[in-house]
Amino acid sequence: MATDLDGTLLTTAGTVTARTRQALQTARAAGAEIVFVTARAPRGVREIAEQTGVTGLAICSNGALVYDLATDEIVESHPLDPIPARRVAAALAEALPGIGLAVETGRNILTEAAYTRRIAQDLASYREVSSVFEENAPIVKLLALSSGHTADEMVTAVVAAIEGLAEVTHSGGTGLLEISAPGVTKAGTLDRLCAARGVTSGEVVAFGDMPNDLAVLTYAGAGYAMANAHHLVLAATEHRTLSNDEDGVAAVLERLYG
């Protein structure tokens, strides 16, 4: 079983309900392996794993990292090469003047002055720099922030210009794009984990709510869109469940494993 976190497994308040926790434990007891597949960096995943009792590997940063929950180690990394990253940044600046850039390194976030977004639980991880490209840090994700556009508008504005250079998506952040190395997606990394375990895509049950989840939901034999999902996700998926605030993941797991 593969599940996104924010807007999917977690409530809007960012919590794991008792019902969801029990449903995950029931699925694990029945033999299901649970893999978190999230845009979050590893630092934002471990506490949730401890709350839910989920162990093993997690797919983080939209597929760019594989993280061992037990050892707190990044065991696989697929960063964006700095040269195409600079070309992507130039295309972004031309299409979306005034855009702010940041880089997720896997352990912290480097931000330029125009990148003003801050996540409360990550405050200790931010470090402002004059240029994200002068730090020689791994570009796990290039983040682009615009105060004047929605994420959907930003994708439309830049997708043609950066085709082949990088993967561009978003996970619901207002005016925020998430950019990864070419071919790096949640689904691609999940497929490698499944292949190593002899699991076919048809055996996978997946849950998600945002465009960065679409590849996983269409990869899985049963991909469930949350009731609160982005309109593109709802349009592209056959299976539905309740919203994240209604324990939508738990409702399906109870039916499958309860």
Protein backbone atom coordinates (compact mmCIF):
# COMPACT_ATOMS: atom_id res chain seq x y z
CA MET A 1 0.00 0.00 0.00
CA ALA A 2 1.32 3.43 -0.96
CA THR A 3 -0.05 6.63 0.53
CA ASP A 4 0.59 10.31 0.30
CA LEU A 5 0.60 12.20 3.60
CA ASP A 6 -0.64 15.80 3.46
CA GLY A 7 -4.23 16.05 2.30
CA THR A 8 -4.46 12.26 2.24
CA LEU A 9 -3.41 10.27 5.31
CA LEU A 10 -3.18 13.35 7.55
CA THR A 11 -6.08 15.55 8.53
CA THR A 12 -6.11 19.20 7.50
CA ALA A 13 -4.63 19.92 10.93
CA GLY A 14 -1.72 17.62 10.08
CA THR A 15 -2.66 14.87 12.53
CA VAL A 16 -3.18 11.12 12.31
CA THR A 17 -6.53 10.05 13.74
CA ALA A 18 -6.96 7.04 16.00
CA ARG A 19 -9.12 5.40 13.33
CA THR A 20 -6.44 5.82 10.67
CA ARG A 21 -3.74 4.56 13.01
CA GLN A 22 -5.78 1.43 13.77
CA ALA A 23 -6.54 0.83 10.09
CA LEU A 24 -2.83 0.98 9.23
CA GLN A 25 -2.03 -1.48 12.01
CA THR A 26 -4.76 -3.81 10.78
CA ALA A 27 -3.39 -3.68 7.22
CA ARG A 28 0.15 -4.40 8.46
CA ALA A 29 -1.07 -7.33 10.56
CA ALA A 30 -2.72 -8.73 7.43
CA GLY A 31 0.63 -8.63 5.61
CA ALA A 32 0.45 -5.33 3.75
CA GLU A 33 3.66 -3.32 3.42
CA ILE A 34 2.91 0.38 3.83
CA VAL A 35 5.05 2.92 2.01
CA PHE A 36 4.70 6.66 2.53
CA VAL A 37 5.05 8.40 -0.84
CA THR A 38 5.28 12.10 -0.17
CA ALA A 39 6.59 15.48 -1.28
CA ARG A 40 7.95 15.93 2.24
CA ALA A 41 11.62 15.67 3.02
CA PRO A 42 12.71 12.92 5.43
CA ARG A 43 12.67 15.26 8.45
CA GLY A 44 8.90 15.66 7.96
CA VAL A 45 8.18 11.93 7.78
CA ARG A 46 9.83 10.20 10.72
CA GLU A 47 7.48 11.56 13.41
CA ILE A 48 4.45 10.47 11.40
CA ALA A 49 5.94 7.02 11.00
CA GLU A 50 6.42 6.81 14.76
CA GLN A 51 2.81 7.88 15.36
CA THR A 52 1.44 5.26 12.98
CA GLY A 53 3.84 2.39 13.65
CA VAL A 54 4.89 2.32 9.98
CA THR A 55 8.42 1.04 9.39
CA GLY A 56 10.69 0.29 6.45
CA LEU A 57 11.37 2.67 3.59
CA ALA A 58 9.61 5.91 2.68
CA ILE A 59 9.67 7.69 -0.66
CA CYS A 60 10.31 11.39 -0.04
CA SER A 61 10.69 14.61 -2.02
CA ASN A 62 8.42 13.40 -4.85
CA GLY A 63 10.55 10.32 -5.50
CA ALA A 64 13.98 11.95 -5.35
CA LEU A 65 14.85 10.29 -2.03
CA VAL A 66 14.33 6.90 -0.44
CA TYR A 67 14.54 7.15 3.33
CA ASP A 68 15.04 4.38 5.89
CA LEU A 69 12.68 5.11 8.77
CA ALA A 70 14.54 2.85 11.18
CA THR A 71 18.06 4.18 10.66
CA ASP A 72 17.21 7.80 9.76
CA GLU A 73 19.35 7.44 6.65
CA ILE A 74 18.80 8.46 3.05
CA VAL A 75 19.52 5.27 1.13
CA GLU A 76 18.80 6.49 -2.41
CA SER A 77 19.06 9.96 -3.93
CA HIS A 78 18.27 11.33 -7.41
CA PRO A 79 19.08 15.05 -7.40
CA LEU A 80 18.70 17.52 -10.25
CA ASP A 81 21.97 18.26 -12.04
CA PRO A 82 23.08 21.89 -11.46
CA ILE A 83 23.50 22.75 -15.17
CA PRO A 84 19.91 21.95 -16.25
CA ALA A 85 18.74 23.36 -12.92
CA ARG A 86 20.20 26.75 -13.88
CA ARG A 87 18.49 26.52 -17.28
CA VAL A 88 15.21 25.71 -15.55
CA ALA A 89 15.66 28.70 -13.22
CA ALA A 90 16.26 31.00 -16.19
CA ALA A 91 13.11 29.72 -17.91
CA LEU A 92 11.14 30.24 -14.71
CA ALA A 93 12.42 33.81 -14.31
CA GLU A 94 11.47 34.64 -17.90
CA ALA A 95 7.99 33.13 -17.67
CA LEU A 96 7.25 34.27 -14.12
CA PRO A 97 9.11 37.51 -13.28
CA GLY A 98 9.77 38.02 -9.57
CA ILE A 99 9.76 34.32 -8.78
CA GLY A 100 11.55 33.17 -5.62
CA LEU A 101 13.75 30.08 -5.60
CA ALA A 102 14.70 27.57 -2.93
CA VAL A 103 16.47 24.22 -2.92
CA GLU A 104 15.56 21.22 -0.81
CA THR A 105 18.83 19.41 -0.10
CA GLY A 106 17.31 16.44 1.71
CA ARG A 107 18.38 17.75 5.12
CA ASN A 108 17.65 21.48 4.90
CA ILE A 109 16.25 24.22 2.67
CA LEU A 110 18.32 26.94 1.02
CA THR A 111 16.25 30.03 0.19
CA GLU A 112 16.83 33.16 -1.82
CA ALA A 113 15.40 36.43 -0.49
CA ALA A 114 12.32 36.32 -2.74
CA TYR A 115 11.37 32.88 -1.47
CA THR A 116 9.29 33.91 1.54
CA ARG A 117 7.36 30.70 2.19
CA ARG A 118 8.00 29.07 5.56
CA ILE A 119 6.59 25.87 7.05
CA ALA A 120 6.31 26.07 10.83
CA GLN A 121 7.74 22.63 11.59
CA ASP A 122 10.71 23.30 9.28
CA LEU A 123 11.79 26.70 10.61
CA ALA A 124 15.09 25.38 11.95
CA SER A 125 15.93 23.96 8.51
CA TYR A 126 15.79 27.19 6.47
CA ARG A 127 18.99 29.02 5.52
CA GLU A 128 18.89 32.16 3.37
CA VAL A 129 21.56 32.39 0.67
CA SER A 130 22.34 34.88 -2.07
CA SER A 131 21.92 32.18 -4.74
CA VAL A 132 20.82 28.59 -4.37
CA PHE A 133 23.29 27.64 -7.11
CA GLU A 134 26.39 28.87 -5.31
CA GLU A 135 26.23 26.43 -2.40
CA ASN A 136 27.23 23.20 -4.18
CA ALA A 137 24.41 21.47 -2.31
CA PRO A 138 22.44 18.58 -3.83
CA ILE A 139 19.32 19.87 -5.59
CA VAL A 140 16.86 17.25 -4.42
CA LYS A 141 14.01 19.59 -5.35
CA LEU A 142 14.09 23.04 -6.88
CA LEU A 143 11.22 25.06 -5.41
CA ALA A 144 9.73 28.08 -7.16
CA LEU A 145 7.38 30.52 -5.44
CA SER A 146 5.16 33.18 -7.03
CA SER A 147 2.84 35.48 -5.12
CA GLY A 148 0.85 36.35 -8.21
CA HIS A 149 -0.02 32.96 -9.67
CA THR A 150 -1.65 29.70 -8.71
CA ALA A 151 0.41 26.55 -8.99
CA ASP A 152 -1.71 25.41 -11.94
CA GLU A 153 -1.03 28.70 -13.75
CA MET A 154 2.68 28.32 -13.06
CA VAL A 155 2.78 24.81 -14.51
CA THR A 156 1.03 26.01 -17.65
CA ALA A 157 3.47 28.92 -18.01
CA VAL A 158 6.68 26.89 -17.74
CA VAL A 159 6.04 23.27 -18.67
CA ALA A 160 6.90 23.66 -22.37
CA ALA A 161 10.05 25.66 -21.65
CA ILE A 162 11.54 23.06 -19.31
CA GLU A 163 10.38 19.90 -21.05
CA GLY A 164 13.19 17.36 -20.98
CA LEU A 165 15.19 19.34 -18.44
CA ALA A 166 13.18 18.45 -15.35
CA GLU A 167 9.92 17.13 -13.93
CA VAL A 168 7.56 19.86 -12.74
CA THR A 169 4.56 19.33 -10.49
CA HIS A 170 2.92 20.68 -7.37
CA SER A 171 1.34 19.40 -4.18
CA GLY A 172 -1.15 22.16 -3.43
CA GLY A 173 1.11 24.84 -2.02
CA THR A 174 -0.22 28.27 -3.07
CA GLY A 175 1.89 29.55 -5.95
CA LEU A 176 4.49 26.82 -5.44
CA LEU A 177 6.14 24.55 -8.02
CA GLU A 178 8.23 21.49 -7.16
CA ILE A 179 10.87 20.58 -9.72
CA SER A 180 12.86 17.34 -9.82
CA ALA A 181 15.38 15.64 -12.08
CA PRO A 182 14.05 14.28 -15.39
CA GLY A 183 12.18 11.03 -14.89
CA VAL A 184 12.06 11.37 -11.12
CA THR A 185 8.51 10.86 -9.89
CA LYS A 186 6.83 9.21 -6.96
CA ALA A 187 5.65 6.41 -9.25
CA GLY A 188 9.07 5.70 -10.75
CA THR A 189 10.68 5.24 -7.36
CA LEU A 190 7.73 3.20 -6.09
CA ASP A 191 8.04 0.93 -9.11
CA ARG A 192 11.69 0.19 -8.26
CA LEU A 193 10.78 -0.65 -4.67
CA CYS A 194 7.98 -2.91 -5.85
CA ALA A 195 10.18 -4.68 -8.39
CA ALA A 196 12.77 -5.39 -5.71
CA ARG A 197 10.04 -7.11 -3.68
CA GLY A 198 8.45 -9.00 -6.54
CA VAL A 199 5.30 -6.88 -6.30
CA THR A 200 3.46 -5.92 -9.48
CA SER A 201 1.74 -2.59 -9.99
CA GLY A 202 -1.59 -4.40 -10.10
CA GLU A 203 -1.10 -5.46 -6.48
CA VAL A 204 -0.60 -1.89 -5.27
CA VAL A 205 -3.32 0.12 -3.52
CA ALA A 206 -2.53 3.84 -3.49
CA PHE A 207 -4.01 7.04 -2.10
CA GLY A 208 -3.43 10.67 -3.05
CA ASP A 209 -4.93 14.09 -3.59
CA MET A 210 -2.64 16.32 -5.67
CA PRO A 211 -1.06 16.40 -9.15
CA ASN A 212 2.22 15.05 -7.78
CA ASP A 213 0.25 11.92 -6.78
CA LEU A 214 -1.25 11.32 -10.22
CA ALA A 215 1.54 9.09 -11.49
CA VAL A 216 1.24 6.83 -8.44
CA LEU A 217 -2.55 6.65 -8.63
CA THR A 218 -2.47 5.63 -12.29
CA TYR A 219 0.43 3.22 -11.68
CA ALA A 220 -1.39 1.35 -8.92
CA GLY A 221 -3.87 -1.42 -9.58
CA ALA A 222 -6.27 0.49 -7.33
CA GLY A 223 -5.50 4.19 -7.06
CA TYR A 224 -7.89 6.09 -4.79
CA ALA A 225 -8.42 9.83 -5.09
CA MET A 226 -9.50 11.54 -1.90
CA ALA A 227 -12.80 13.41 -1.98
CA ASN A 228 -10.83 16.61 -1.38
CA ALA A 229 -8.48 15.91 -4.31
CA HIS A 230 -7.41 18.39 -6.99
CA HIS A 231 -9.76 18.46 -9.99
CA LEU A 232 -7.11 16.93 -12.28
CA VAL A 233 -6.71 13.99 -9.90
CA LEU A 234 -10.44 13.42 -9.68
CA ALA A 235 -10.75 13.55 -13.46
CA ALA A 236 -7.96 11.01 -14.02
CA THR A 237 -8.84 8.33 -11.44
CA GLU A 238 -11.59 5.77 -11.26
CA HIS A 239 -11.60 5.00 -7.54
CA ARG A 240 -12.78 7.44 -4.87
CA THR A 241 -12.78 7.54 -1.09
CA LEU A 242 -13.81 9.99 1.60
CA SER A 243 -11.82 13.13 2.33
CA ASN A 244 -8.71 13.22 4.50
CA ASP A 245 -10.78 14.75 7.31
CA GLU A 246 -13.24 11.86 7.06
CA ASP A 247 -10.60 9.12 7.37
CA GLY A 248 -10.81 8.25 3.68
CA VAL A 249 -7.71 6.04 3.73
CA ALA A 250 -8.96 4.16 6.79
CA ALA A 251 -12.36 3.58 5.17
CA VAL A 252 -10.74 1.69 2.27
CA LEU A 253 -8.29 -0.23 4.46
CA GLU A 254 -11.10 -1.35 6.76
CA ARG A 255 -12.96 -2.71 3.75
CA LEU A 256 -9.88 -4.46 2.38
CA TYR A 257 -8.36 -5.80 5.60
CA GLY A 258 -10.87 -5.34 8.43
